[in-house]
Every structure is written in C-alpha cells, then in structure tokens.
Amino acid sequence: MSAEQFVGRWKLVHSENFEEYMKEVGVGMLARIAAANVKPTLEIKVNGDSWNVNQLSTFKNTTLNFTLGVVSFCVSII
C-alpha cells in the first residue's frame, strides 16, 4: 500500500457506539452530545517521508506532523 492512497480529504460519514464509548470513559453529557454530532474531516498530505495530518471540525482542529523512521518525544508541562 502506498502513501498516495491516503493523501486527500476524508470526511466522517458514520460512527457506531461512539456516544456509548464516551459515556463509558467518563465524558460528560453535554460534551458527548456535542462530540456525537461532529463530523470531522481528515486532510492528509505526504512529502517524501514527512506526513501532515489535519483533523478539521467545527468543534476543534488538530494537526499531527511526523516523519517515517524518526522517533519523536512529546513532553507536557503542567
């Protein structure tokens, strides 16, 4: 499978049991209702071994950048 098969924009159409999962892991009712109605779009770009994945929605946008074969460490300071 080549990277080009993943490149593009992907829209969530349907999910099963997501609200039940969120309830089980302790997500509050209002957040569950909001999240269950979000249909995010994934935008995937590849440049050589470097990948850029954007998750876009009306609720929250996130970005993930990584390079295949390179170990990355994420440190959170609270």
C-alpha atoms as a PDB file:
ATOM      1  CA  MET A   1       0.000   0.000   0.000  1.00  0.00           C
ATOM      2  CA  SER A   2       1.483   3.358  -0.979  1.00  0.00           C
ATOM      3  CA  ALA A   3       1.230   6.700   0.817  1.00  0.00           C
ATOM      4  CA  GLU A   4      -0.575   8.230  -2.166  1.00  0.00           C
ATOM      5  CA  GLN A   5      -3.621   6.109  -1.356  1.00  0.00           C
ATOM      6  CA  PHE A   6      -4.081   8.082   1.887  1.00  0.00           C
ATOM      7  CA  VAL A   7      -3.480  11.585   0.532  1.00  0.00           C
ATOM      8  CA  GLY A   8      -6.555  13.786   0.284  1.00  0.00           C
ATOM      9  CA  ARG A   9      -9.571  14.845   2.327  1.00  0.00           C
ATOM     10  CA  TRP A  10     -11.614  12.244   4.173  1.00  0.00           C
ATOM     11  CA  LYS A  11     -15.000  13.092   5.696  1.00  0.00           C
ATOM     12  CA  LEU A  12     -16.510  11.031   8.536  1.00  0.00           C
ATOM     13  CA  VAL A  13     -19.886   9.774   7.390  1.00  0.00           C
ATOM     14  CA  HIS A  14     -20.934   7.447  10.202  1.00  0.00           C
ATOM     15  CA  SER A  15     -19.677   6.094  13.520  1.00  0.00           C
ATOM     16  CA  GLU A  16     -21.097   3.335  15.713  1.00  0.00           C
ATOM     17  CA  ASN A  17     -21.302   3.310  19.522  1.00  0.00           C
ATOM     18  CA  PHE A  18     -19.211   6.468  19.879  1.00  0.00           C
ATOM     19  CA  GLU A  19     -21.568   8.089  22.389  1.00  0.00           C
ATOM     20  CA  GLU A  20     -21.673   4.886  24.457  1.00  0.00           C
ATOM     21  CA  TYR A  21     -17.856   4.744  24.410  1.00  0.00           C
ATOM     22  CA  MET A  22     -17.582   8.362  25.573  1.00  0.00           C
ATOM     23  CA  LYS A  23     -20.043   7.675  28.397  1.00  0.00           C
ATOM     24  CA  GLU A  24     -18.025   4.631  29.493  1.00  0.00           C
ATOM     25  CA  VAL A  25     -14.774   6.617  29.672  1.00  0.00           C
ATOM     26  CA  GLY A  26     -16.411   9.387  31.710  1.00  0.00           C
ATOM     27  CA  VAL A  27     -17.171  12.127  29.196  1.00  0.00           C
ATOM     28  CA  GLY A  28     -19.942  14.417  30.466  1.00  0.00           C
ATOM     29  CA  MET A  29     -23.379  14.529  28.869  1.00  0.00           C
ATOM     30  CA  LEU A  30     -23.048  17.940  27.162  1.00  0.00           C
ATOM     31  CA  ALA A  31     -19.630  17.084  25.720  1.00  0.00           C
ATOM     32  CA  ARG A  32     -20.987  13.720  24.484  1.00  0.00           C
ATOM     33  CA  ILE A  33     -23.907  15.388  22.721  1.00  0.00           C
ATOM     34  CA  ALA A  34     -21.622  17.934  21.067  1.00  0.00           C
ATOM     35  CA  ALA A  35     -18.972  15.386  20.049  1.00  0.00           C
ATOM     36  CA  ALA A  36     -21.502  12.868  18.740  1.00  0.00           C
ATOM     37  CA  ASN A  37     -22.753  15.457  16.238  1.00  0.00           C
ATOM     38  CA  VAL A  38     -19.336  16.474  14.904  1.00  0.00           C
ATOM     39  CA  LYS A  39     -18.337  15.014  11.548  1.00  0.00           C
ATOM     40  CA  PRO A  40     -14.609  15.804  11.232  1.00  0.00           C
ATOM     41  CA  THR A  41     -12.611  15.893   8.024  1.00  0.00           C
ATOM     42  CA  LEU A  42      -9.092  14.452   7.854  1.00  0.00           C
ATOM     43  CA  GLU A  43      -6.724  16.173   5.460  1.00  0.00           C
ATOM     44  CA  ILE A  44      -3.625  14.072   4.745  1.00  0.00           C
ATOM     45  CA  LYS A  45      -0.535  15.357   2.931  1.00  0.00           C
ATOM     46  CA  VAL A  46       2.699  13.478   2.262  1.00  0.00           C
ATOM     47  CA  ASN A  47       6.024  14.923   1.136  1.00  0.00           C
ATOM     48  CA  GLY A  48       8.572  12.120   0.896  1.00  0.00           C
ATOM     49  CA  ASP A  49       8.720  10.554   4.366  1.00  0.00           C
ATOM     50  CA  SER A  50       7.082  13.580   6.036  1.00  0.00           C
ATOM     51  CA  TRP A  51       3.387  13.364   6.806  1.00  0.00           C
ATOM     52  CA  ASN A  52       0.958  16.123   7.773  1.00  0.00           C
ATOM     53  CA  VAL A  53      -2.470  15.113   9.114  1.00  0.00           C
ATOM     54  CA  ASN A  54      -5.048  17.782   9.938  1.00  0.00           C
ATOM     55  CA  GLN A  55      -8.317  16.945  11.663  1.00  0.00           C
ATOM     56  CA  LEU A  56     -10.803  19.718  10.961  1.00  0.00           C
ATOM     57  CA  SER A  57     -14.200  20.236  12.583  1.00  0.00           C
ATOM     58  CA  THR A  58     -16.437  22.936  13.985  1.00  0.00           C
ATOM     59  CA  PHE A  59     -15.525  21.738  17.491  1.00  0.00           C
ATOM     60  CA  LYS A  60     -11.715  21.501  17.389  1.00  0.00           C
ATOM     61  CA  ASN A  61      -8.877  21.389  14.864  1.00  0.00           C
ATOM     62  CA  THR A  62      -5.722  19.348  15.441  1.00  0.00           C
ATOM     63  CA  THR A  63      -2.510  18.829  13.485  1.00  0.00           C
ATOM     64  CA  LEU A  64      -0.106  15.902  13.532  1.00  0.00           C
ATOM     65  CA  ASN A  65       3.245  16.129  11.733  1.00  0.00           C
ATOM     66  CA  PHE A  66       5.704  13.252  11.653  1.00  0.00           C
ATOM     67  CA  THR A  67       8.491  11.722   9.600  1.00  0.00           C
ATOM     68  CA  LEU A  68       8.619   7.992   9.000  1.00  0.00           C
ATOM     69  CA  GLY A  69      11.585   6.368  10.738  1.00  0.00           C
ATOM     70  CA  VAL A  70      12.157   9.301  13.118  1.00  0.00           C
ATOM     71  CA  VAL A  71      11.391   8.802  16.810  1.00  0.00           C
ATOM     72  CA  SER A  72       9.699  11.852  18.358  1.00  0.00           C
ATOM     73  CA  PHE A  73       9.149  12.604  22.013  1.00  0.00           C
ATOM     74  CA  CYS A  74       6.339  14.764  23.311  1.00  0.00           C
ATOM     75  CA  VAL A  75       6.727  16.405  26.684  1.00  0.00           C
ATOM     76  CA  SER A  76       3.833  18.066  28.517  1.00  0.00           C
ATOM     77  CA  ILE A  77       4.477  20.574  31.257  1.00  0.00           C
ATOM     78  CA  ILE A  78       1.542  21.322  33.515  1.00  0.00           C
END
